Structures are given as C-alpha cells and as structure tokens.
Amino acid sequence: MPRKTISLPEDLAEFVDENHINLSRFVQDKLRELSESEDSSEDLSDDEAKEIAQKLEDLGYLN
C-alpha cells in the first residue's frame, strides 16, 4: 500500500507522543469518516461543517 507523510506542528507531535496516540490509525479513521459522510446522500449542515473544520484546525491540519 502506498504511504503518505504528514507534518505536525511540534506541540501536536508532543501531544501525540505523550498520549500514545497511533497517529496513522487516527488519521485513517478520520479520513474514512469524512469519505463515508461524503458518500452519503445527506449534505453537512453549516454547523456540522464548521464543527469539523474547527476540529481539524485544533489538530493543526488547517490554518
């Protein structure tokens, strides 16, 4: 399986290490959730989209 590399800000990298988070599994699960939600016939509400964007920003994926 092809692999991709992601970059994390130092503070998030420390958080991942301190909390023993399997980052690869976490990212896979979140991307699956997003892709499955796109596959559904329902569109996200504005509030749901904002909540997801805020979570991704909090994790350092969006600036």
PDB file of N, CA and C in Angstrom:
ATOM      1  N   MET A   1       0.842  -1.163   0.000  1.00  0.00           N
ATOM      2  CA  MET A   1       0.000   0.000   0.000  1.00  0.00           C
ATOM      3  C   MET A   1       0.894   1.235   0.000  1.00  0.00           C
ATOM      4  N   PRO A   2       0.614   2.203  -0.900  1.00  0.00           N
ATOM      5  CA  PRO A   2       1.397   3.433  -0.911  1.00  0.00           C
ATOM      6  C   PRO A   2       1.210   4.200   0.400  1.00  0.00           C
ATOM      7  N   ARG A   3       2.228   4.876   0.819  1.00  0.00           N
ATOM      8  CA  ARG A   3       2.176   5.637   2.066  1.00  0.00           C
ATOM      9  C   ARG A   3       2.346   7.116   1.767  1.00  0.00           C
ATOM     10  N   LYS A   4       1.778   7.932   2.633  1.00  0.00           N
ATOM     11  CA  LYS A   4       1.898   9.384   2.556  1.00  0.00           C
ATOM     12  C   LYS A   4       2.492   9.883   3.862  1.00  0.00           C
ATOM     13  N   THR A   5       3.096  11.020   3.813  1.00  0.00           N
ATOM     14  CA  THR A   5       3.676  11.631   5.003  1.00  0.00           C
ATOM     15  C   THR A   5       2.884  12.882   5.352  1.00  0.00           C
ATOM     16  N   ILE A   6       2.636  13.075   6.654  1.00  0.00           N
ATOM     17  CA  ILE A   6       2.008  14.313   7.105  1.00  0.00           C
ATOM     18  C   ILE A   6       2.978  15.033   8.027  1.00  0.00           C
ATOM     19  N   SER A   7       2.800  16.319   8.139  1.00  0.00           N
ATOM     20  CA  SER A   7       3.618  17.126   9.037  1.00  0.00           C
ATOM     21  C   SER A   7       2.744  17.659  10.153  1.00  0.00           C
ATOM     22  N   LEU A   8       3.285  17.641  11.354  1.00  0.00           N
ATOM     23  CA  LEU A   8       2.577  18.165  12.516  1.00  0.00           C
ATOM     24  C   LEU A   8       3.408  19.262  13.157  1.00  0.00           C
ATOM     25  N   PRO A   9       2.740  20.283  13.678  1.00  0.00           N
ATOM     26  CA  PRO A   9       3.473  21.257  14.481  1.00  0.00           C
ATOM     27  C   PRO A   9       4.059  20.551  15.704  1.00  0.00           C
ATOM     28  N   GLU A  10       5.131  21.074  16.215  1.00  0.00           N
ATOM     29  CA  GLU A  10       5.850  20.440  17.326  1.00  0.00           C
ATOM     30  C   GLU A  10       4.950  20.167  18.526  1.00  0.00           C
ATOM     31  N   ASP A  11       4.070  21.114  18.867  1.00  0.00           N
ATOM     32  CA  ASP A  11       3.217  20.910  20.035  1.00  0.00           C
ATOM     33  C   ASP A  11       2.262  19.738  19.840  1.00  0.00           C
ATOM     34  N   LEU A  12       1.755  19.562  18.620  1.00  0.00           N
ATOM     35  CA  LEU A  12       0.877  18.422  18.368  1.00  0.00           C
ATOM     36  C   LEU A  12       1.647  17.116  18.339  1.00  0.00           C
ATOM     37  N   ALA A  13       2.863  17.153  17.816  1.00  0.00           N
ATOM     38  CA  ALA A  13       3.692  15.952  17.812  1.00  0.00           C
ATOM     39  C   ALA A  13       3.977  15.505  19.251  1.00  0.00           C
ATOM     40  N   GLU A  14       4.233  16.461  20.129  1.00  0.00           N
ATOM     41  CA  GLU A  14       4.449  16.134  21.542  1.00  0.00           C
ATOM     42  C   GLU A  14       3.183  15.553  22.167  1.00  0.00           C
ATOM     43  N   PHE A  15       2.020  16.138  21.845  1.00  0.00           N
ATOM     44  CA  PHE A  15       0.747  15.636  22.361  1.00  0.00           C
ATOM     45  C   PHE A  15       0.520  14.190  21.926  1.00  0.00           C
ATOM     46  N   VAL A  16       0.790  13.904  20.662  1.00  0.00           N
ATOM     47  CA  VAL A  16       0.639  12.543  20.135  1.00  0.00           C
ATOM     48  C   VAL A  16       1.539  11.589  20.908  1.00  0.00           C
ATOM     49  N   ASP A  17       2.787  11.980  21.095  1.00  0.00           N
ATOM     50  CA  ASP A  17       3.736  11.122  21.817  1.00  0.00           C
ATOM     51  C   ASP A  17       3.337  10.927  23.275  1.00  0.00           C
ATOM     52  N   GLU A  18       2.975  12.013  23.940  1.00  0.00           N
ATOM     53  CA  GLU A  18       2.631  11.936  25.365  1.00  0.00           C
ATOM     54  C   GLU A  18       1.385  11.087  25.615  1.00  0.00           C
ATOM     55  N   ASN A  19       0.462  11.081  24.661  1.00  0.00           N
ATOM     56  CA  ASN A  19      -0.796  10.361  24.837  1.00  0.00           C
ATOM     57  C   ASN A  19      -0.818   9.011  24.119  1.00  0.00           C
ATOM     58  N   HIS A  20       0.344   8.621  23.610  1.00  0.00           N
ATOM     59  CA  HIS A  20       0.500   7.308  22.959  1.00  0.00           C
ATOM     60  C   HIS A  20      -0.568   7.072  21.897  1.00  0.00           C
ATOM     61  N   ILE A  21      -0.790   8.089  21.078  1.00  0.00           N
ATOM     62  CA  ILE A  21      -1.789   8.004  20.013  1.00  0.00           C
ATOM     63  C   ILE A  21      -1.154   7.351  18.794  1.00  0.00           C
ATOM     64  N   ASN A  22      -1.836   6.360  18.238  1.00  0.00           N
ATOM     65  CA  ASN A  22      -1.402   5.765  16.983  1.00  0.00           C
ATOM     66  C   ASN A  22      -1.872   6.710  15.884  1.00  0.00           C
ATOM     67  N   LEU A  23      -0.990   7.597  15.484  1.00  0.00           N
ATOM     68  CA  LEU A  23      -1.356   8.666  14.564  1.00  0.00           C
ATOM     69  C   LEU A  23      -1.820   8.127  13.218  1.00  0.00           C
ATOM     70  N   SER A  24      -1.174   7.111  12.731  1.00  0.00           N
ATOM     71  CA  SER A  24      -1.566   6.535  11.454  1.00  0.00           C
ATOM     72  C   SER A  24      -2.999   6.031  11.508  1.00  0.00           C
ATOM     73  N   ARG A  25      -3.329   5.308  12.552  1.00  0.00           N
ATOM     74  CA  ARG A  25      -4.681   4.772  12.702  1.00  0.00           C
ATOM     75  C   ARG A  25      -5.700   5.906  12.880  1.00  0.00           C
ATOM     76  N   PHE A  26      -5.335   6.919  13.654  1.00  0.00           N
ATOM     77  CA  PHE A  26      -6.218   8.054  13.895  1.00  0.00           C
ATOM     78  C   PHE A  26      -6.570   8.757  12.579  1.00  0.00           C
ATOM     79  N   VAL A  27      -5.557   9.037  11.785  1.00  0.00           N
ATOM     80  CA  VAL A  27      -5.780   9.735  10.518  1.00  0.00           C
ATOM     81  C   VAL A  27      -6.614   8.864   9.581  1.00  0.00           C
ATOM     82  N   GLN A  28      -6.319   7.576   9.530  1.00  0.00           N
ATOM     83  CA  GLN A  28      -7.107   6.674   8.691  1.00  0.00           C
ATOM     84  C   GLN A  28      -8.578   6.698   9.094  1.00  0.00           C
ATOM     85  N   ASP A  29      -8.842   6.588  10.387  1.00  0.00           N
ATOM     86  CA  ASP A  29     -10.220   6.577  10.874  1.00  0.00           C
ATOM     87  C   ASP A  29     -10.943   7.874  10.535  1.00  0.00           C
ATOM     88  N   LYS A  30     -10.284   9.009  10.749  1.00  0.00           N
ATOM     89  CA  LYS A  30     -10.921  10.303  10.475  1.00  0.00           C
ATOM     90  C   LYS A  30     -11.162  10.489   8.980  1.00  0.00           C
ATOM     91  N   LEU A  31     -10.228  10.066   8.155  1.00  0.00           N
ATOM     92  CA  LEU A  31     -10.422  10.191   6.715  1.00  0.00           C
ATOM     93  C   LEU A  31     -11.541   9.275   6.231  1.00  0.00           C
ATOM     94  N   ARG A  32     -11.642   8.093   6.822  1.00  0.00           N
ATOM     95  CA  ARG A  32     -12.751   7.197   6.476  1.00  0.00           C
ATOM     96  C   ARG A  32     -14.090   7.830   6.852  1.00  0.00           C
ATOM     97  N   GLU A  33     -14.144   8.430   8.048  1.00  0.00           N
ATOM     98  CA  GLU A  33     -15.374   9.113   8.472  1.00  0.00           C
ATOM     99  C   GLU A  33     -15.759  10.195   7.470  1.00  0.00           C
ATOM    100  N   LEU A  34     -14.791  10.982   7.056  1.00  0.00           N
ATOM    101  CA  LEU A  34     -15.066  12.060   6.107  1.00  0.00           C
ATOM    102  C   LEU A  34     -15.506  11.510   4.755  1.00  0.00           C
ATOM    103  N   SER A  35     -14.818  10.475   4.281  1.00  0.00           N
ATOM    104  CA  SER A  35     -15.186   9.935   2.971  1.00  0.00           C
ATOM    105  C   SER A  35     -16.556   9.279   3.011  1.00  0.00           C
ATOM    106  N   GLU A  36     -16.884   8.611   4.116  1.00  0.00           N
ATOM    107  CA  GLU A  36     -18.203   8.000   4.239  1.00  0.00           C
ATOM    108  C   GLU A  36     -19.293   9.058   4.326  1.00  0.00           C
ATOM    109  N   SER A  37     -19.000  10.160   4.985  1.00  0.00           N
ATOM    110  CA  SER A  37     -20.002  11.219   5.075  1.00  0.00           C
ATOM    111  C   SER A  37     -20.213  11.864   3.712  1.00  0.00           C
ATOM    112  N   GLU A  38     -19.189  11.910   2.880  1.00  0.00           N
ATOM    113  CA  GLU A  38     -19.337  12.445   1.525  1.00  0.00           C
ATOM    114  C   GLU A  38     -20.116  11.484   0.648  1.00  0.00           C
ATOM    115  N   ASP A  39     -20.000  10.185   0.928  1.00  0.00           N
ATOM    116  CA  ASP A  39     -20.706   9.179   0.143  1.00  0.00           C
ATOM    117  C   ASP A  39     -22.193   9.151   0.460  1.00  0.00           C
ATOM    118  N   SER A  40     -22.560   9.639   1.620  1.00  0.00           N
ATOM    119  CA  SER A  40     -23.973   9.611   1.987  1.00  0.00           C
ATOM    120  C   SER A  40     -24.730  10.651   1.174  1.00  0.00           C
ATOM    121  N   SER A  41     -26.022  10.458   1.079  1.00  0.00           N
ATOM    122  CA  SER A  41     -26.826  11.380   0.281  1.00  0.00           C
ATOM    123  C   SER A  41     -27.106  12.679   1.027  1.00  0.00           C
ATOM    124  N   GLU A  42     -26.809  12.717   2.318  1.00  0.00           N
ATOM    125  CA  GLU A  42     -27.062  13.913   3.110  1.00  0.00           C
ATOM    126  C   GLU A  42     -25.876  14.873   3.034  1.00  0.00           C
ATOM    127  N   ASP A  43     -26.186  16.141   2.889  1.00  0.00           N
ATOM    128  CA  ASP A  43     -25.150  17.161   2.941  1.00  0.00           C
ATOM    129  C   ASP A  43     -24.962  17.572   4.393  1.00  0.00           C
ATOM    130  N   LEU A  44     -23.756  18.021   4.705  1.00  0.00           N
ATOM    131  CA  LEU A  44     -23.498  18.526   6.043  1.00  0.00           C
ATOM    132  C   LEU A  44     -24.207  19.857   6.228  1.00  0.00           C
ATOM    133  N   SER A  45     -24.710  20.055   7.417  1.00  0.00           N
ATOM    134  CA  SER A  45     -25.262  21.373   7.729  1.00  0.00           C
ATOM    135  C   SER A  45     -24.091  22.333   7.916  1.00  0.00           C
ATOM    136  N   ASP A  46     -24.378  23.604   7.887  1.00  0.00           N
ATOM    137  CA  ASP A  46     -23.317  24.595   8.100  1.00  0.00           C
ATOM    138  C   ASP A  46     -22.661  24.389   9.457  1.00  0.00           C
ATOM    139  N   ASP A  47     -23.455  24.092  10.485  1.00  0.00           N
ATOM    140  CA  ASP A  47     -22.911  23.873  11.828  1.00  0.00           C
ATOM    141  C   ASP A  47     -21.997  22.654  11.865  1.00  0.00           C
ATOM    142  N   GLU A  48     -22.398  21.572  11.185  1.00  0.00           N
ATOM    143  CA  GLU A  48     -21.568  20.366  11.154  1.00  0.00           C
ATOM    144  C   GLU A  48     -20.256  20.631  10.418  1.00  0.00           C
ATOM    145  N   ALA A  49     -20.324  21.340   9.313  1.00  0.00           N
ATOM    146  CA  ALA A  49     -19.114  21.665   8.557  1.00  0.00           C
ATOM    147  C   ALA A  49     -18.175  22.539   9.391  1.00  0.00           C
ATOM    148  N   LYS A  50     -18.733  23.508  10.105  1.00  0.00           N
ATOM    149  CA  LYS A  50     -17.914  24.376  10.952  1.00  0.00           C
ATOM    150  C   LYS A  50     -17.280  23.583  12.089  1.00  0.00           C
ATOM    151  N   GLU A  51     -18.026  22.639  12.663  1.00  0.00           N
ATOM    152  CA  GLU A  51     -17.504  21.819  13.755  1.00  0.00           C
ATOM    153  C   GLU A  51     -16.334  20.958  13.270  1.00  0.00           C
ATOM    154  N   ILE A  52     -16.470  20.353  12.109  1.00  0.00           N
ATOM    155  CA  ILE A  52     -15.389  19.536  11.556  1.00  0.00           C
ATOM    156  C   ILE A  52     -14.177  20.410  11.247  1.00  0.00           C
ATOM    157  N   ALA A  53     -14.414  21.556  10.645  1.00  0.00           N
ATOM    158  CA  ALA A  53     -13.311  22.462  10.329  1.00  0.00           C
ATOM    159  C   ALA A  53     -12.587  22.904  11.597  1.00  0.00           C
ATOM    160  N   GLN A  54     -13.337  23.186  12.663  1.00  0.00           N
ATOM    161  CA  GLN A  54     -12.726  23.603  13.920  1.00  0.00           C
ATOM    162  C   GLN A  54     -11.882  22.482  14.513  1.00  0.00           C
ATOM    163  N   LYS A  55     -12.389  21.249  14.459  1.00  0.00           N
ATOM    164  CA  LYS A  55     -11.626  20.106  14.978  1.00  0.00           C
ATOM    165  C   LYS A  55     -10.336  19.926  14.200  1.00  0.00           C
ATOM    166  N   LEU A  56     -10.397  20.035  12.882  1.00  0.00           N
ATOM    167  CA  LEU A  56      -9.189  19.898  12.069  1.00  0.00           C
ATOM    168  C   LEU A  56      -8.210  21.036  12.339  1.00  0.00           C
ATOM    169  N   GLU A  57      -8.737  22.239  12.529  1.00  0.00           N
ATOM    170  CA  GLU A  57      -7.872  23.377  12.846  1.00  0.00           C
ATOM    171  C   GLU A  57      -7.206  23.173  14.204  1.00  0.00           C
ATOM    172  N   ASP A  58      -7.977  22.703  15.184  1.00  0.00           N
ATOM    173  CA  ASP A  58      -7.433  22.442  16.522  1.00  0.00           C
ATOM    174  C   ASP A  58      -6.323  21.404  16.472  1.00  0.00           C
ATOM    175  N   LEU A  59      -6.427  20.463  15.539  1.00  0.00           N
ATOM    176  CA  LEU A  59      -5.411  19.426  15.384  1.00  0.00           C
ATOM    177  C   LEU A  59      -4.229  19.892  14.543  1.00  0.00           C
ATOM    178  N   GLY A  60      -4.312  21.087  13.974  1.00  0.00           N
ATOM    179  CA  GLY A  60      -3.213  21.643  13.216  1.00  0.00           C
ATOM    180  C   GLY A  60      -3.261  21.331  11.733  1.00  0.00           C
ATOM    181  N   TYR A  61      -4.363  20.780  11.239  1.00  0.00           N
ATOM    182  CA  TYR A  61      -4.446  20.451   9.823  1.00  0.00           C
ATOM    183  C   TYR A  61      -4.882  21.624   8.969  1.00  0.00           C
ATOM    184  N   LEU A  62      -5.563  22.605   9.541  1.00  0.00           N
ATOM    185  CA  LEU A  62      -5.984  23.794   8.809  1.00  0.00           C
ATOM    186  C   LEU A  62      -5.390  25.018   9.494  1.00  0.00           C
ATOM    187  N   ASN A  63      -5.061  25.985   8.694  1.00  0.00           N
ATOM    188  CA  ASN A  63      -4.502  27.226   9.254  1.00  0.00           C
ATOM    189  C   ASN A  63      -5.561  28.294   9.307  1.00  0.00           C
TER     190      ASN A  63
END
